[in-house]
Amino acid sequence: MSNRHYRVVKPIRFFIFILISIMVIIFAGYGILNIGKAQAATVNTYERVIVQENDTLWDLAETYNPDVKVSYQKIIHDICETNDIESGDIHPGDILFIPVY
């Protein structure tokens, strides 16, 4: 058996080859293992609601999502995010879009 010695003739090309190889391996790993896959509750539709006197976000979340397996805190967060409001910032006559899961 003879010992062969390899030498890098063009270091830039070799470096680019190694870099691309590493990137391909990493992206293949992400694809195979589903790392970074976003998991979100699916919103089927939104219900347009006019806020009445004494309505709270909790009441609205319960009314439009009575048998859902998502927590009401998550629903309230989604209501606030969708309507660009703070949790206690609703007034009678406001129009809100309530996610229905």
PDB file of N, CA and C in Angstrom:
ATOM      1  N   MET A   1       0.827  -1.172   0.000  1.00  0.00           N
ATOM      2  CA  MET A   1       0.000   0.000   0.000  1.00  0.00           C
ATOM      3  C   MET A   1       0.876   1.242   0.000  1.00  0.00           C
ATOM      4  N   SER A   2       0.605   2.102  -0.875  1.00  0.00           N
ATOM      5  CA  SER A   2       1.410   3.314  -0.941  1.00  0.00           C
ATOM      6  C   SER A   2       0.681   4.457  -0.248  1.00  0.00           C
ATOM      7  N   ASN A   3       1.438   5.298   0.363  1.00  0.00           N
ATOM      8  CA  ASN A   3       0.867   6.461   1.020  1.00  0.00           C
ATOM      9  C   ASN A   3       0.759   7.594   0.008  1.00  0.00           C
ATOM     10  N   ARG A   4      -0.454   8.056  -0.159  1.00  0.00           N
ATOM     11  CA  ARG A   4      -0.663   9.174  -1.066  1.00  0.00           C
ATOM     12  C   ARG A   4      -0.789  10.440  -0.247  1.00  0.00           C
ATOM     13  N   HIS A   5      -0.166  11.435  -0.692  1.00  0.00           N
ATOM     14  CA  HIS A   5      -0.242  12.732  -0.033  1.00  0.00           C
ATOM     15  C   HIS A   5      -1.019  13.682  -0.936  1.00  0.00           C
ATOM     16  N   TYR A   6      -2.046  14.247  -0.354  1.00  0.00           N
ATOM     17  CA  TYR A   6      -2.839  15.209  -1.102  1.00  0.00           C
ATOM     18  C   TYR A   6      -2.464  16.601  -0.640  1.00  0.00           C
ATOM     19  N   ARG A   7      -2.522  17.501  -1.559  1.00  0.00           N
ATOM     20  CA  ARG A   7      -2.274  18.873  -1.152  1.00  0.00           C
ATOM     21  C   ARG A   7      -3.325  19.763  -1.813  1.00  0.00           C
ATOM     22  N   VAL A   8      -3.684  20.795  -1.102  1.00  0.00           N
ATOM     23  CA  VAL A   8      -4.704  21.728  -1.564  1.00  0.00           C
ATOM     24  C   VAL A   8      -4.034  22.718  -2.494  1.00  0.00           C
ATOM     25  N   VAL A   9      -4.467  22.704  -3.757  1.00  0.00           N
ATOM     26  CA  VAL A   9      -3.869  23.575  -4.758  1.00  0.00           C
ATOM     27  C   VAL A   9      -4.492  24.967  -4.702  1.00  0.00           C
ATOM     28  N   LYS A  10      -5.819  25.002  -4.534  1.00  0.00           N
ATOM     29  CA  LYS A  10      -6.523  26.287  -4.478  1.00  0.00           C
ATOM     30  C   LYS A  10      -7.287  26.352  -3.149  1.00  0.00           C
ATOM     31  N   PRO A  11      -6.712  26.989  -2.138  1.00  0.00           N
ATOM     32  CA  PRO A  11      -7.324  27.001  -0.804  1.00  0.00           C
ATOM     33  C   PRO A  11      -8.701  27.672  -0.767  1.00  0.00           C
ATOM     34  N   ILE A  12      -8.913  28.677  -1.565  1.00  0.00           N
ATOM     35  CA  ILE A  12     -10.208  29.360  -1.580  1.00  0.00           C
ATOM     36  C   ILE A  12     -11.299  28.406  -2.057  1.00  0.00           C
ATOM     37  N   ARG A  13     -11.041  27.697  -3.119  1.00  0.00           N
ATOM     38  CA  ARG A  13     -12.009  26.745  -3.658  1.00  0.00           C
ATOM     39  C   ARG A  13     -12.277  25.627  -2.647  1.00  0.00           C
ATOM     40  N   PHE A  14     -11.242  25.149  -1.971  1.00  0.00           N
ATOM     41  CA  PHE A  14     -11.404  24.110  -0.958  1.00  0.00           C
ATOM     42  C   PHE A  14     -12.247  24.627   0.210  1.00  0.00           C
ATOM     43  N   PHE A  15     -11.998  25.851   0.664  1.00  0.00           N
ATOM     44  CA  PHE A  15     -12.751  26.447   1.759  1.00  0.00           C
ATOM     45  C   PHE A  15     -14.228  26.583   1.385  1.00  0.00           C
ATOM     46  N   ILE A  16     -14.519  27.035   0.177  1.00  0.00           N
ATOM     47  CA  ILE A  16     -15.902  27.185  -0.277  1.00  0.00           C
ATOM     48  C   ILE A  16     -16.587  25.817  -0.343  1.00  0.00           C
ATOM     49  N   PHE A  17     -15.873  24.803  -0.814  1.00  0.00           N
ATOM     50  CA  PHE A  17     -16.422  23.452  -0.867  1.00  0.00           C
ATOM     51  C   PHE A  17     -16.792  22.964   0.533  1.00  0.00           C
ATOM     52  N   ILE A  18     -15.898  23.144   1.498  1.00  0.00           N
ATOM     53  CA  ILE A  18     -16.158  22.717   2.878  1.00  0.00           C
ATOM     54  C   ILE A  18     -17.338  23.495   3.453  1.00  0.00           C
ATOM     55  N   LEU A  19     -17.394  24.793   3.229  1.00  0.00           N
ATOM     56  CA  LEU A  19     -18.471  25.635   3.741  1.00  0.00           C
ATOM     57  C   LEU A  19     -19.829  25.207   3.177  1.00  0.00           C
ATOM     58  N   ILE A  20     -19.892  24.972   1.888  1.00  0.00           N
ATOM     59  CA  ILE A  20     -21.143  24.537   1.264  1.00  0.00           C
ATOM     60  C   ILE A  20     -21.539  23.150   1.770  1.00  0.00           C
ATOM     61  N   SER A  21     -20.583  22.277   1.957  1.00  0.00           N
ATOM     62  CA  SER A  21     -20.873  20.933   2.470  1.00  0.00           C
ATOM     63  C   SER A  21     -21.475  21.001   3.871  1.00  0.00           C
ATOM     64  N   ILE A  22     -20.913  21.827   4.707  1.00  0.00           N
ATOM     65  CA  ILE A  22     -21.429  21.980   6.071  1.00  0.00           C
ATOM     66  C   ILE A  22     -22.848  22.544   6.035  1.00  0.00           C
ATOM     67  N   MET A  23     -23.093  23.533   5.192  1.00  0.00           N
ATOM     68  CA  MET A  23     -24.434  24.128   5.094  1.00  0.00           C
ATOM     69  C   MET A  23     -25.453  23.100   4.623  1.00  0.00           C
ATOM     70  N   VAL A  24     -25.093  22.272   3.654  1.00  0.00           N
ATOM     71  CA  VAL A  24     -26.005  21.237   3.153  1.00  0.00           C
ATOM     72  C   VAL A  24     -26.328  20.242   4.260  1.00  0.00           C
ATOM     73  N   ILE A  25     -25.345  19.853   5.032  1.00  0.00           N
ATOM     74  CA  ILE A  25     -25.571  18.908   6.132  1.00  0.00           C
ATOM     75  C   ILE A  25     -26.488  19.519   7.187  1.00  0.00           C
ATOM     76  N   ILE A  26     -26.271  20.773   7.525  1.00  0.00           N
ATOM     77  CA  ILE A  26     -27.109  21.435   8.535  1.00  0.00           C
ATOM     78  C   ILE A  26     -28.548  21.551   8.043  1.00  0.00           C
ATOM     79  N   PHE A  27     -28.760  22.016   6.810  1.00  0.00           N
ATOM     80  CA  PHE A  27     -30.121  22.158   6.294  1.00  0.00           C
ATOM     81  C   PHE A  27     -30.809  20.812   6.150  1.00  0.00           C
ATOM     82  N   ALA A  28     -30.082  19.780   5.779  1.00  0.00           N
ATOM     83  CA  ALA A  28     -30.671  18.444   5.703  1.00  0.00           C
ATOM     84  C   ALA A  28     -31.084  17.977   7.087  1.00  0.00           C
ATOM     85  N   GLY A  29     -30.270  18.265   8.097  1.00  0.00           N
ATOM     86  CA  GLY A  29     -30.621  17.910   9.468  1.00  0.00           C
ATOM     87  C   GLY A  29     -31.870  18.614   9.936  1.00  0.00           C
ATOM     88  N   TYR A  30     -31.999  19.903   9.622  1.00  0.00           N
ATOM     89  CA  TYR A  30     -33.211  20.637   9.977  1.00  0.00           C
ATOM     90  C   TYR A  30     -34.428  20.038   9.289  1.00  0.00           C
ATOM     91  N   GLY A  31     -34.277  19.669   8.052  1.00  0.00           N
ATOM     92  CA  GLY A  31     -35.406  19.101   7.324  1.00  0.00           C
ATOM     93  C   GLY A  31     -35.819  17.741   7.843  1.00  0.00           C
ATOM     94  N   ILE A  32     -34.861  16.913   8.175  1.00  0.00           N
ATOM     95  CA  ILE A  32     -35.157  15.569   8.660  1.00  0.00           C
ATOM     96  C   ILE A  32     -35.751  15.600  10.059  1.00  0.00           C
ATOM     97  N   LEU A  33     -35.199  16.422  10.929  1.00  0.00           N
ATOM     98  CA  LEU A  33     -35.635  16.457  12.320  1.00  0.00           C
ATOM     99  C   LEU A  33     -36.762  17.440  12.592  1.00  0.00           C
ATOM    100  N   ASN A  34     -37.173  18.190  11.586  1.00  0.00           N
ATOM    101  CA  ASN A  34     -38.215  19.211  11.725  1.00  0.00           C
ATOM    102  C   ASN A  34     -37.894  20.211  12.822  1.00  0.00           C
ATOM    103  N   ILE A  35     -36.638  20.544  12.972  1.00  0.00           N
ATOM    104  CA  ILE A  35     -36.230  21.532  13.955  1.00  0.00           C
ATOM    105  C   ILE A  35     -36.651  22.904  13.444  1.00  0.00           C
ATOM    106  N   GLY A  36     -37.195  23.705  14.325  1.00  0.00           N
ATOM    107  CA  GLY A  36     -37.603  25.043  13.943  1.00  0.00           C
ATOM    108  C   GLY A  36     -38.969  25.100  13.293  1.00  0.00           C
ATOM    109  N   LYS A  37     -39.680  23.991  13.306  1.00  0.00           N
ATOM    110  CA  LYS A  37     -41.007  23.971  12.700  1.00  0.00           C
ATOM    111  C   LYS A  37     -41.966  24.707  13.624  1.00  0.00           C
ATOM    112  N   ALA A  38     -42.627  25.697  13.092  1.00  0.00           N
ATOM    113  CA  ALA A  38     -43.560  26.490  13.892  1.00  0.00           C
ATOM    114  C   ALA A  38     -44.835  25.696  14.120  1.00  0.00           C
ATOM    115  N   GLN A  39     -45.258  25.685  15.361  1.00  0.00           N
ATOM    116  CA  GLN A  39     -46.504  25.029  15.694  1.00  0.00           C
ATOM    117  C   GLN A  39     -47.421  26.059  16.297  1.00  0.00           C
ATOM    118  N   ALA A  40     -48.503  26.314  15.641  1.00  0.00           N
ATOM    119  CA  ALA A  40     -49.442  27.325  16.110  1.00  0.00           C
ATOM    120  C   ALA A  40     -50.842  26.766  16.037  1.00  0.00           C
ATOM    121  N   ALA A  41     -51.681  27.262  16.902  1.00  0.00           N
ATOM    122  CA  ALA A  41     -53.077  26.877  16.852  1.00  0.00           C
ATOM    123  C   ALA A  41     -53.687  27.462  15.582  1.00  0.00           C
ATOM    124  N   THR A  42     -54.547  26.716  14.964  1.00  0.00           N
ATOM    125  CA  THR A  42     -55.147  27.156  13.723  1.00  0.00           C
ATOM    126  C   THR A  42     -56.386  27.983  14.018  1.00  0.00           C
ATOM    127  N   VAL A  43     -56.417  29.163  13.480  1.00  0.00           N
ATOM    128  CA  VAL A  43     -57.597  30.015  13.592  1.00  0.00           C
ATOM    129  C   VAL A  43     -58.435  29.777  12.340  1.00  0.00           C
ATOM    130  N   ASN A  44     -59.654  29.299  12.549  1.00  0.00           N
ATOM    131  CA  ASN A  44     -60.516  29.026  11.402  1.00  0.00           C
ATOM    132  C   ASN A  44     -61.103  30.296  10.824  1.00  0.00           C
ATOM    133  N   THR A  45     -61.530  31.201  11.698  1.00  0.00           N
ATOM    134  CA  THR A  45     -62.178  32.413  11.237  1.00  0.00           C
ATOM    135  C   THR A  45     -62.142  33.456  12.349  1.00  0.00           C
ATOM    136  N   TYR A  46     -62.586  34.641  12.022  1.00  0.00           N
ATOM    137  CA  TYR A  46     -62.696  35.714  13.012  1.00  0.00           C
ATOM    138  C   TYR A  46     -64.152  36.145  13.083  1.00  0.00           C
ATOM    139  N   GLU A  47     -64.593  36.446  14.281  1.00  0.00           N
ATOM    140  CA  GLU A  47     -65.946  36.932  14.494  1.00  0.00           C
ATOM    141  C   GLU A  47     -65.876  38.418  14.808  1.00  0.00           C
ATOM    142  N   ARG A  48     -66.648  39.226  14.084  1.00  0.00           N
ATOM    143  CA  ARG A  48     -66.682  40.676  14.310  1.00  0.00           C
ATOM    144  C   ARG A  48     -67.682  40.943  15.429  1.00  0.00           C
ATOM    145  N   VAL A  49     -67.211  41.613  16.497  1.00  0.00           N
ATOM    146  CA  VAL A  49     -68.028  41.817  17.691  1.00  0.00           C
ATOM    147  C   VAL A  49     -67.999  43.294  18.073  1.00  0.00           C
ATOM    148  N   ILE A  50     -69.156  43.815  18.433  1.00  0.00           N
ATOM    149  CA  ILE A  50     -69.236  45.170  18.985  1.00  0.00           C
ATOM    150  C   ILE A  50     -69.298  45.027  20.496  1.00  0.00           C
ATOM    151  N   VAL A  51     -68.353  45.647  21.186  1.00  0.00           N
ATOM    152  CA  VAL A  51     -68.246  45.523  22.641  1.00  0.00           C
ATOM    153  C   VAL A  51     -69.451  46.197  23.293  1.00  0.00           C
ATOM    154  N   GLN A  52     -70.089  45.457  24.219  1.00  0.00           N
ATOM    155  CA  GLN A  52     -71.229  45.965  24.977  1.00  0.00           C
ATOM    156  C   GLN A  52     -70.758  46.401  26.366  1.00  0.00           C
ATOM    157  N   GLU A  53     -71.633  47.058  27.108  1.00  0.00           N
ATOM    158  CA  GLU A  53     -71.340  47.476  28.482  1.00  0.00           C
ATOM    159  C   GLU A  53     -71.027  46.238  29.324  1.00  0.00           C
ATOM    160  N   ASN A  54     -69.998  46.311  30.145  1.00  0.00           N
ATOM    161  CA  ASN A  54     -69.546  45.247  31.064  1.00  0.00           C
ATOM    162  C   ASN A  54     -68.928  44.039  30.361  1.00  0.00           C
ATOM    163  N   ASP A  55     -68.652  44.110  29.072  1.00  0.00           N
ATOM    164  CA  ASP A  55     -67.946  43.017  28.388  1.00  0.00           C
ATOM    165  C   ASP A  55     -66.478  43.038  28.794  1.00  0.00           C
ATOM    166  N   THR A  56     -65.905  41.845  28.946  1.00  0.00           N
ATOM    167  CA  THR A  56     -64.467  41.715  29.180  1.00  0.00           C
ATOM    168  C   THR A  56     -63.900  40.811  28.093  1.00  0.00           C
ATOM    169  N   LEU A  57     -62.602  40.864  27.916  1.00  0.00           N
ATOM    170  CA  LEU A  57     -61.970  39.993  26.921  1.00  0.00           C
ATOM    171  C   LEU A  57     -62.159  38.528  27.301  1.00  0.00           C
ATOM    172  N   TRP A  58     -62.125  38.244  28.594  1.00  0.00           N
ATOM    173  CA  TRP A  58     -62.315  36.870  29.055  1.00  0.00           C
ATOM    174  C   TRP A  58     -63.716  36.378  28.655  1.00  0.00           C
ATOM    175  N   ASP A  59     -64.740  37.206  28.886  1.00  0.00           N
ATOM    176  CA  ASP A  59     -66.111  36.827  28.520  1.00  0.00           C
ATOM    177  C   ASP A  59     -66.234  36.599  27.018  1.00  0.00           C
ATOM    178  N   LEU A  60     -65.639  37.476  26.231  1.00  0.00           N
ATOM    179  CA  LEU A  60     -65.707  37.323  24.771  1.00  0.00           C
ATOM    180  C   LEU A  60     -64.974  36.062  24.319  1.00  0.00           C
ATOM    181  N   ALA A  61     -63.835  35.770  24.934  1.00  0.00           N
ATOM    182  CA  ALA A  61     -63.088  34.559  24.580  1.00  0.00           C
ATOM    183  C   ALA A  61     -63.905  33.317  24.899  1.00  0.00           C
ATOM    184  N   GLU A  62     -64.572  33.305  26.051  1.00  0.00           N
ATOM    185  CA  GLU A  62     -65.406  32.160  26.431  1.00  0.00           C
ATOM    186  C   GLU A  62     -66.636  32.031  25.528  1.00  0.00           C
ATOM    187  N   THR A  63     -67.242  33.162  25.180  1.00  0.00           N
ATOM    188  CA  THR A  63     -68.467  33.146  24.379  1.00  0.00           C
ATOM    189  C   THR A  63     -68.218  32.579  22.984  1.00  0.00           C
ATOM    190  N   TYR A  64     -67.134  32.991  22.348  1.00  0.00           N
ATOM    191  CA  TYR A  64     -66.889  32.591  20.957  1.00  0.00           C
ATOM    192  C   TYR A  64     -66.010  31.353  20.822  1.00  0.00           C
ATOM    193  N   ASN A  65     -65.487  30.826  21.928  1.00  0.00           N
ATOM    194  CA  ASN A  65     -64.671  29.613  21.904  1.00  0.00           C
ATOM    195  C   ASN A  65     -65.015  28.748  23.122  1.00  0.00           C
ATOM    196  N   PRO A  66     -66.253  28.235  23.205  1.00  0.00           N
ATOM    197  CA  PRO A  66     -66.659  27.534  24.419  1.00  0.00           C
ATOM    198  C   PRO A  66     -65.989  26.170  24.621  1.00  0.00           C
ATOM    199  N   ASP A  67     -65.731  25.425  23.571  1.00  0.00           N
ATOM    200  CA  ASP A  67     -65.207  24.063  23.720  1.00  0.00           C
ATOM    201  C   ASP A  67     -63.832  23.898  23.087  1.00  0.00           C
ATOM    202  N   VAL A  68     -63.011  24.898  23.206  1.00  0.00           N
ATOM    203  CA  VAL A  68     -61.712  24.862  22.545  1.00  0.00           C
ATOM    204  C   VAL A  68     -60.658  24.352  23.525  1.00  0.00           C
ATOM    205  N   LYS A  69     -59.620  23.736  22.991  1.00  0.00           N
ATOM    206  CA  LYS A  69     -58.550  23.201  23.826  1.00  0.00           C
ATOM    207  C   LYS A  69     -57.385  24.170  23.979  1.00  0.00           C
ATOM    208  N   VAL A  70     -57.547  25.377  23.478  1.00  0.00           N
ATOM    209  CA  VAL A  70     -56.543  26.429  23.628  1.00  0.00           C
ATOM    210  C   VAL A  70     -56.893  27.202  24.893  1.00  0.00           C
ATOM    211  N   SER A  71     -55.898  27.610  25.660  1.00  0.00           N
ATOM    212  CA  SER A  71     -56.176  28.338  26.898  1.00  0.00           C
ATOM    213  C   SER A  71     -56.784  29.701  26.587  1.00  0.00           C
ATOM    214  N   TYR A  72     -57.598  30.179  27.522  1.00  0.00           N
ATOM    215  CA  TYR A  72     -58.227  31.482  27.323  1.00  0.00           C
ATOM    216  C   TYR A  72     -57.192  32.604  27.360  1.00  0.00           C
ATOM    217  N   GLN A  73     -56.096  32.410  28.084  1.00  0.00           N
ATOM    218  CA  GLN A  73     -55.025  33.412  28.072  1.00  0.00           C
ATOM    219  C   GLN A  73     -54.464  33.560  26.669  1.00  0.00           C
ATOM    220  N   LYS A  74     -54.299  32.440  25.957  1.00  0.00           N
ATOM    221  CA  LYS A  74     -53.798  32.470  24.582  1.00  0.00           C
ATOM    222  C   LYS A  74     -54.801  33.172  23.673  1.00  0.00           C
ATOM    223  N   ILE A  75     -56.093  32.883  23.868  1.00  0.00           N
ATOM    224  CA  ILE A  75     -57.117  33.515  23.044  1.00  0.00           C
ATOM    225  C   ILE A  75     -57.128  35.021  23.282  1.00  0.00           C
ATOM    226  N   ILE A  76     -57.040  35.433  24.552  1.00  0.00           N
ATOM    227  CA  ILE A  76     -57.019  36.863  24.881  1.00  0.00           C
ATOM    228  C   ILE A  76     -55.791  37.528  24.282  1.00  0.00           C
ATOM    229  N   HIS A  77     -54.653  36.846  24.344  1.00  0.00           N
ATOM    230  CA  HIS A  77     -53.435  37.378  23.725  1.00  0.00           C
ATOM    231  C   HIS A  77     -53.645  37.564  22.214  1.00  0.00           C
ATOM    232  N   ASP A  78     -54.273  36.572  21.570  1.00  0.00           N
ATOM    233  CA  ASP A  78     -54.528  36.662  20.135  1.00  0.00           C
ATOM    234  C   ASP A  78     -55.502  37.790  19.809  1.00  0.00           C
ATOM    235  N   ILE A  79     -56.518  37.985  20.667  1.00  0.00           N
ATOM    236  CA  ILE A  79     -57.462  39.086  20.461  1.00  0.00           C
ATOM    237  C   ILE A  79     -56.717  40.425  20.518  1.00  0.00           C
ATOM    238  N   CYS A  80     -55.875  40.575  21.544  1.00  0.00           N
ATOM    239  CA  CYS A  80     -55.120  41.830  21.703  1.00  0.00           C
ATOM    240  C   CYS A  80     -54.180  42.055  20.525  1.00  0.00           C
ATOM    241  N   GLU A  81     -53.525  40.987  20.082  1.00  0.00           N
ATOM    242  CA  GLU A  81     -52.579  41.105  18.968  1.00  0.00           C
ATOM    243  C   GLU A  81     -53.303  41.418  17.660  1.00  0.00           C
ATOM    244  N   THR A  82     -54.424  40.772  17.422  1.00  0.00           N
ATOM    245  CA  THR A  82     -55.180  40.988  16.193  1.00  0.00           C
ATOM    246  C   THR A  82     -55.728  42.403  16.107  1.00  0.00           C
ATOM    247  N   ASN A  83     -56.215  42.910  17.246  1.00  0.00           N
ATOM    248  CA  ASN A  83     -56.859  44.220  17.261  1.00  0.00           C
ATOM    249  C   ASN A  83     -55.922  45.343  17.680  1.00  0.00           C
ATOM    250  N   ASP A  84     -54.667  45.017  17.958  1.00  0.00           N
ATOM    251  CA  ASP A  84     -53.650  45.994  18.354  1.00  0.00           C
ATOM    252  C   ASP A  84     -54.121  46.829  19.559  1.00  0.00           C
ATOM    253  N   ILE A  85     -54.502  46.090  20.625  1.00  0.00           N
ATOM    254  CA  ILE A  85     -54.963  46.746  21.849  1.00  0.00           C
ATOM    255  C   ILE A  85     -54.246  46.128  23.047  1.00  0.00           C
ATOM    256  N   GLU A  86     -54.351  46.768  24.190  1.00  0.00           N
ATOM    257  CA  GLU A  86     -53.887  46.211  25.457  1.00  0.00           C
ATOM    258  C   GLU A  86     -55.042  45.425  26.078  1.00  0.00           C
ATOM    259  N   SER A  87     -54.766  44.560  27.040  1.00  0.00           N
ATOM    260  CA  SER A  87     -55.796  43.663  27.565  1.00  0.00           C
ATOM    261  C   SER A  87     -56.956  44.381  28.239  1.00  0.00           C
ATOM    262  N   GLY A  88     -56.742  45.518  28.875  1.00  0.00           N
ATOM    263  CA  GLY A  88     -57.837  46.206  29.538  1.00  0.00           C
ATOM    264  C   GLY A  88     -58.355  47.403  28.769  1.00  0.00           C
ATOM    265  N   ASP A  89     -58.011  47.490  27.497  1.00  0.00           N
ATOM    266  CA  ASP A  89     -58.282  48.702  26.718  1.00  0.00           C
ATOM    267  C   ASP A  89     -59.478  48.536  25.787  1.00  0.00           C
ATOM    268  N   ILE A  90     -60.613  48.028  26.328  1.00  0.00           N
ATOM    269  CA  ILE A  90     -61.814  47.941  25.498  1.00  0.00           C
ATOM    270  C   ILE A  90     -62.909  48.797  26.123  1.00  0.00           C
ATOM    271  N   HIS A  91     -63.731  49.362  25.275  1.00  0.00           N
ATOM    272  CA  HIS A  91     -64.802  50.253  25.710  1.00  0.00           C
ATOM    273  C   HIS A  91     -66.068  49.903  24.938  1.00  0.00           C
ATOM    274  N   PRO A  92     -67.230  50.152  25.517  1.00  0.00           N
ATOM    275  CA  PRO A  92     -68.478  49.886  24.793  1.00  0.00           C
ATOM    276  C   PRO A  92     -68.490  50.615  23.449  1.00  0.00           C
ATOM    277  N   GLY A  93     -68.905  49.896  22.424  1.00  0.00           N
ATOM    278  CA  GLY A  93     -68.949  50.449  21.075  1.00  0.00           C
ATOM    279  C   GLY A  93     -67.739  50.104  20.231  1.00  0.00           C
ATOM    280  N   ASP A  94     -66.653  49.625  20.882  1.00  0.00           N
ATOM    281  CA  ASP A  94     -65.472  49.202  20.119  1.00  0.00           C
ATOM    282  C   ASP A  94     -65.821  47.991  19.257  1.00  0.00           C
ATOM    283  N   ILE A  95     -65.194  47.898  18.119  1.00  0.00           N
ATOM    284  CA  ILE A  95     -65.365  46.736  17.242  1.00  0.00           C
ATOM    285  C   ILE A  95     -64.105  45.897  17.340  1.00  0.00           C
ATOM    286  N   LEU A  96     -64.286  44.629  17.713  1.00  0.00           N
ATOM    287  CA  LEU A  96     -63.158  43.705  17.856  1.00  0.00           C
ATOM    288  C   LEU A  96     -63.347  42.521  16.924  1.00  0.00           C
ATOM    289  N   PHE A  97     -62.243  41.953  16.507  1.00  0.00           N
ATOM    290  CA  PHE A  97     -62.251  40.709  15.756  1.00  0.00           C
ATOM    291  C   PHE A  97     -61.755  39.620  16.685  1.00  0.00           C
ATOM    292  N   ILE A  98     -62.647  38.649  16.973  1.00  0.00           N
ATOM    293  CA  ILE A  98     -62.360  37.577  17.920  1.00  0.00           C
ATOM    294  C   ILE A  98     -62.004  36.322  17.120  1.00  0.00           C
ATOM    295  N   PRO A  99     -60.806  35.727  17.349  1.00  0.00           N
ATOM    296  CA  PRO A  99     -60.478  34.491  16.647  1.00  0.00           C
ATOM    297  C   PRO A  99     -61.350  33.338  17.146  1.00  0.00           C
ATOM    298  N   VAL A 100     -61.858  32.565  16.209  1.00  0.00           N
ATOM    299  CA  VAL A 100     -62.658  31.397  16.542  1.00  0.00           C
ATOM    300  C   VAL A 100     -61.863  30.176  16.130  1.00  0.00           C
ATOM    301  N   TYR A 101     -61.503  29.356  17.103  1.00  0.00           N
ATOM    302  CA  TYR A 101     -60.661  28.165  16.834  1.00  0.00           C
ATOM    303  C   TYR A 101     -61.504  26.951  16.563  1.00  0.00           C
TER     304      TYR A 101
END
